[in-house]
Amino acid sequence: MNQTDNNIKKRFWSRGRYLQLLALLFVLTLCTVLLLHREKVAELEIYGYLGVFLISLITCSSIVVPVPGWIMVATLGAILNPVLVGIVSGVGGTIGEMTGYLLGYGGQLAIDNVGIYSRMVQWMKRWGSITIFILALIPNPLFDIAGGAAGLLRFPLWKFLLFGAAGRIPKHIFFAYIGVWGLQFFPL
C-alpha cells in the first residue's frame, strides 16, 4: 500500500465520517422505534407535526455533517398525514437551510471545491431564483453551496426562502409518501 492509498483511507475514515455514520445509525434507530410505536405517535398528532418541523429544521441546518432527514420524513409520513408532513418538513427544512445562506452572507463559508462554488456563484448571478428552486426540488448536496452563494451575493432572503420552500415542499411530500408506500409493502 503506497502513501496515496493511506491518505485516501485516512480521509474516508475521518472524524466527520464517523459522525455521519453515527447520525445515520441514530436516525435509523429512531425511525424503527417510531414505526414500532406508530399508534402512540399518531395519538400525539399535534406534537408529531411540531416534531416533523424541528427534525427537518435541525437536519437541514447541518452543513458539516449531513444528516439523512428524508428518512424521518418518510417514517413520519407513514404515521401522520403525508401531505401535512411534507409541507411542515419542507418549511422547516427551508428555514434550516438558512445556515448556509447566513454563512455566505457573512463571508464565512469555506468551500473545499472552489470550482463548483465558482460555478454556483455564476448560476446564482444568472438564474438565482430558478437555481434555488431546482436545487431545493431535487435531492442533492449542492443546495448548501447554492445557499452560501446566495448569501454571498446578497440574494434577497425572502426570495431564497420562497423559492427554497417551493422546491422543498413537493420533494418532502414525495418523501412522506415513500413512507406510506413502504408501509403498504412492508407492514409491521
Protein backbone atom coordinates (compact mmCIF):
# COMPACT_ATOMS: atom_id res chain seq x y z
CA MET A 1 0.00 0.00 0.00
CA ASN A 2 1.52 3.31 -1.02
CA GLN A 3 1.23 6.76 0.59
CA THR A 4 -1.69 7.81 -1.67
CA ASP A 5 -3.73 4.77 -0.62
CA ASN A 6 -3.04 5.57 3.04
CA ASN A 7 -4.17 9.20 2.56
CA ILE A 8 -7.38 8.10 0.85
CA LYS A 9 -8.08 5.58 3.61
CA LYS A 10 -7.40 8.18 6.32
CA ARG A 11 -9.66 10.75 4.65
CA PHE A 12 -12.51 8.25 4.31
CA TRP A 13 -12.40 7.25 7.99
CA SER A 14 -12.15 10.76 9.33
CA ARG A 15 -13.93 12.13 12.37
CA GLY A 16 -16.58 13.58 10.06
CA ARG A 17 -17.23 10.15 8.53
CA TYR A 18 -17.72 8.64 11.98
CA LEU A 19 -20.15 11.43 12.85
CA GLN A 20 -22.07 10.78 9.62
CA LEU A 21 -22.33 7.07 10.40
CA LEU A 22 -23.40 7.81 13.97
CA ALA A 23 -26.06 10.23 12.74
CA LEU A 24 -27.33 7.64 10.24
CA LEU A 25 -27.47 4.95 12.92
CA PHE A 26 -29.35 7.30 15.24
CA VAL A 27 -31.89 8.22 12.55
CA LEU A 28 -32.46 4.59 11.56
CA THR A 29 -32.92 3.55 15.20
CA LEU A 30 -35.34 6.41 15.83
CA CYS A 31 -37.32 5.53 12.68
CA THR A 32 -37.60 1.91 13.77
CA VAL A 33 -38.83 2.90 17.23
CA LEU A 34 -41.35 5.34 15.73
CA LEU A 35 -42.70 2.74 13.32
CA LEU A 36 -43.00 0.11 16.03
CA HIS A 37 -44.93 2.56 18.22
CA ARG A 38 -46.79 4.39 15.45
CA GLU A 39 -50.17 4.15 17.22
CA LYS A 40 -48.80 6.16 20.14
CA VAL A 41 -47.17 8.68 17.80
CA ALA A 42 -50.46 9.09 15.92
CA GLU A 43 -52.21 9.81 19.26
CA LEU A 44 -49.78 12.70 19.76
CA GLU A 45 -50.51 14.13 16.32
CA ILE A 46 -50.18 17.78 17.32
CA TYR A 47 -46.69 17.12 18.70
CA GLY A 48 -45.92 14.93 15.71
CA TYR A 49 -46.08 17.86 13.29
CA LEU A 50 -44.03 20.05 15.62
CA GLY A 51 -41.53 17.19 15.76
CA VAL A 52 -41.54 16.94 11.96
CA PHE A 53 -40.81 20.67 11.74
CA LEU A 54 -37.99 20.54 14.30
CA ILE A 55 -36.40 17.41 12.83
CA SER A 56 -36.40 18.93 9.36
CA LEU A 57 -35.09 22.25 10.67
CA ILE A 58 -32.22 20.55 12.50
CA THR A 59 -31.26 18.09 9.76
CA CYS A 60 -31.22 20.80 7.11
CA SER A 61 -29.21 23.14 9.35
CA SER A 62 -26.34 20.69 9.41
CA ILE A 63 -23.71 21.74 6.88
CA VAL A 64 -20.68 19.93 8.25
CA VAL A 65 -22.33 16.57 8.92
CA PRO A 66 -25.19 15.87 6.51
CA VAL A 67 -27.98 14.06 8.33
CA PRO A 68 -30.47 12.00 6.28
CA GLY A 69 -33.61 13.84 7.34
CA TRP A 70 -35.64 12.38 4.48
CA ILE A 71 -35.68 9.05 6.34
CA MET A 72 -37.50 10.72 9.24
CA VAL A 73 -39.89 12.46 6.83
CA ALA A 74 -40.70 9.10 5.23
CA THR A 75 -41.18 7.46 8.62
CA LEU A 76 -43.47 10.18 9.95
CA GLY A 77 -45.29 10.31 6.59
CA ALA A 78 -46.26 6.68 7.18
CA ILE A 79 -47.67 7.59 10.59
CA LEU A 80 -49.21 11.05 10.11
CA ASN A 81 -50.87 12.80 7.14
CA PRO A 82 -48.17 12.65 4.42
CA VAL A 83 -49.19 15.91 2.74
CA LEU A 84 -49.03 17.82 6.03
CA VAL A 85 -45.75 16.10 6.91
CA GLY A 86 -44.33 17.20 3.55
CA ILE A 87 -45.49 20.80 3.95
CA VAL A 88 -44.33 21.14 7.55
CA SER A 89 -40.98 19.46 6.94
CA GLY A 90 -40.48 21.45 3.73
CA VAL A 91 -40.96 24.72 5.59
CA GLY A 92 -38.74 23.58 8.47
CA GLY A 93 -36.06 22.41 6.06
CA THR A 94 -36.12 25.69 4.14
CA ILE A 95 -35.64 27.66 7.34
CA GLY A 96 -32.88 25.26 8.36
CA GLU A 97 -31.07 25.85 5.06
CA MET A 98 -30.59 29.47 6.10
CA THR A 99 -27.39 28.36 7.85
CA GLY A 100 -25.58 28.13 4.51
CA TYR A 101 -27.13 31.41 3.38
CA LEU A 102 -26.04 33.19 6.54
CA LEU A 103 -22.51 31.77 6.33
CA GLY A 104 -22.24 33.04 2.77
CA TYR A 105 -23.75 36.39 3.76
CA GLY A 106 -21.16 36.77 6.50
CA GLY A 107 -18.39 35.69 4.14
CA GLN A 108 -17.54 32.73 6.39
CA LEU A 109 -18.36 29.87 4.02
CA ALA A 110 -15.28 27.80 3.22
CA ILE A 111 -15.70 25.54 0.21
CA ASP A 112 -13.29 22.68 -0.49
CA ASN A 113 -14.02 22.54 -4.21
CA VAL A 114 -13.60 26.13 -5.36
CA GLY A 115 -14.60 25.23 -8.94
CA ILE A 116 -18.11 24.09 -8.01
CA TYR A 117 -18.55 27.11 -5.73
CA SER A 118 -17.46 29.49 -8.51
CA ARG A 119 -19.86 27.78 -10.89
CA MET A 120 -22.66 28.06 -8.32
CA VAL A 121 -21.98 31.80 -7.89
CA GLN A 122 -22.28 32.21 -11.67
CA TRP A 123 -25.57 30.25 -11.72
CA MET A 124 -26.89 32.38 -8.89
CA LYS A 125 -25.93 35.58 -10.73
CA ARG A 126 -27.68 34.39 -13.90
CA TRP A 127 -30.64 32.38 -12.68
CA GLY A 128 -30.87 32.99 -8.92
CA SER A 129 -34.48 32.04 -8.21
CA ILE A 130 -34.52 29.13 -10.67
CA THR A 131 -31.24 27.78 -9.26
CA ILE A 132 -32.62 27.84 -5.72
CA PHE A 133 -35.90 26.22 -6.80
CA ILE A 134 -34.32 23.39 -8.82
CA LEU A 135 -31.64 22.58 -6.25
CA ALA A 136 -34.28 22.54 -3.49
CA LEU A 137 -36.53 20.28 -5.59
CA ILE A 138 -34.05 17.53 -6.40
CA PRO A 139 -32.21 15.55 -3.70
CA ASN A 140 -28.59 16.69 -3.88
CA PRO A 141 -25.83 18.07 -1.68
CA LEU A 142 -25.41 21.25 -3.76
CA PHE A 143 -28.16 23.24 -2.07
CA ASP A 144 -25.84 24.22 0.79
CA ILE A 145 -23.37 25.61 -1.74
CA ALA A 146 -26.17 27.48 -3.52
CA GLY A 147 -27.29 28.88 -0.16
CA GLY A 148 -23.78 30.10 0.55
CA ALA A 149 -23.55 31.67 -2.92
CA ALA A 150 -26.96 33.31 -2.41
CA GLY A 151 -25.82 34.82 0.87
CA LEU A 152 -22.52 35.98 -0.60
CA LEU A 153 -24.35 37.70 -3.47
CA ARG A 154 -26.89 39.23 -1.06
CA PHE A 155 -29.70 37.43 -2.86
CA PRO A 156 -32.92 38.62 -1.16
CA LEU A 157 -33.67 36.40 1.83
CA TRP A 158 -37.41 36.38 1.10
CA LYS A 159 -36.72 35.01 -2.41
CA PHE A 160 -34.33 32.41 -1.00
CA LEU A 161 -37.00 31.23 1.44
CA LEU A 162 -39.87 31.39 -1.08
CA PHE A 163 -38.13 29.50 -3.90
CA GLY A 164 -36.44 27.14 -1.46
CA ALA A 165 -39.82 26.21 0.06
CA ALA A 166 -41.44 25.97 -3.40
CA GLY A 167 -38.86 23.33 -4.35
CA ARG A 168 -38.51 21.62 -0.99
CA ILE A 169 -42.22 21.09 -0.16
CA PRO A 170 -43.03 18.84 -3.17
CA LYS A 171 -39.84 16.87 -2.54
CA HIS A 172 -40.78 16.37 1.12
CA ILE A 173 -44.33 15.35 0.23
CA PHE A 174 -42.79 12.74 -2.08
CA PHE A 175 -40.54 11.51 0.75
CA ALA A 176 -43.55 11.29 3.07
CA TYR A 177 -45.39 9.19 0.51
CA ILE A 178 -42.35 6.92 0.21
CA GLY A 179 -43.06 6.10 3.86
CA VAL A 180 -46.73 5.44 3.16
CA TRP A 181 -45.96 3.22 0.17
CA GLY A 182 -43.20 1.42 2.05
CA LEU A 183 -45.53 0.64 4.94
CA GLN A 184 -48.08 -0.83 2.48
CA PHE A 185 -45.44 -3.21 1.11
CA PHE A 186 -43.79 -3.99 4.45
CA PRO A 187 -46.45 -3.78 7.20
CA LEU A 188 -45.08 -4.13 10.70
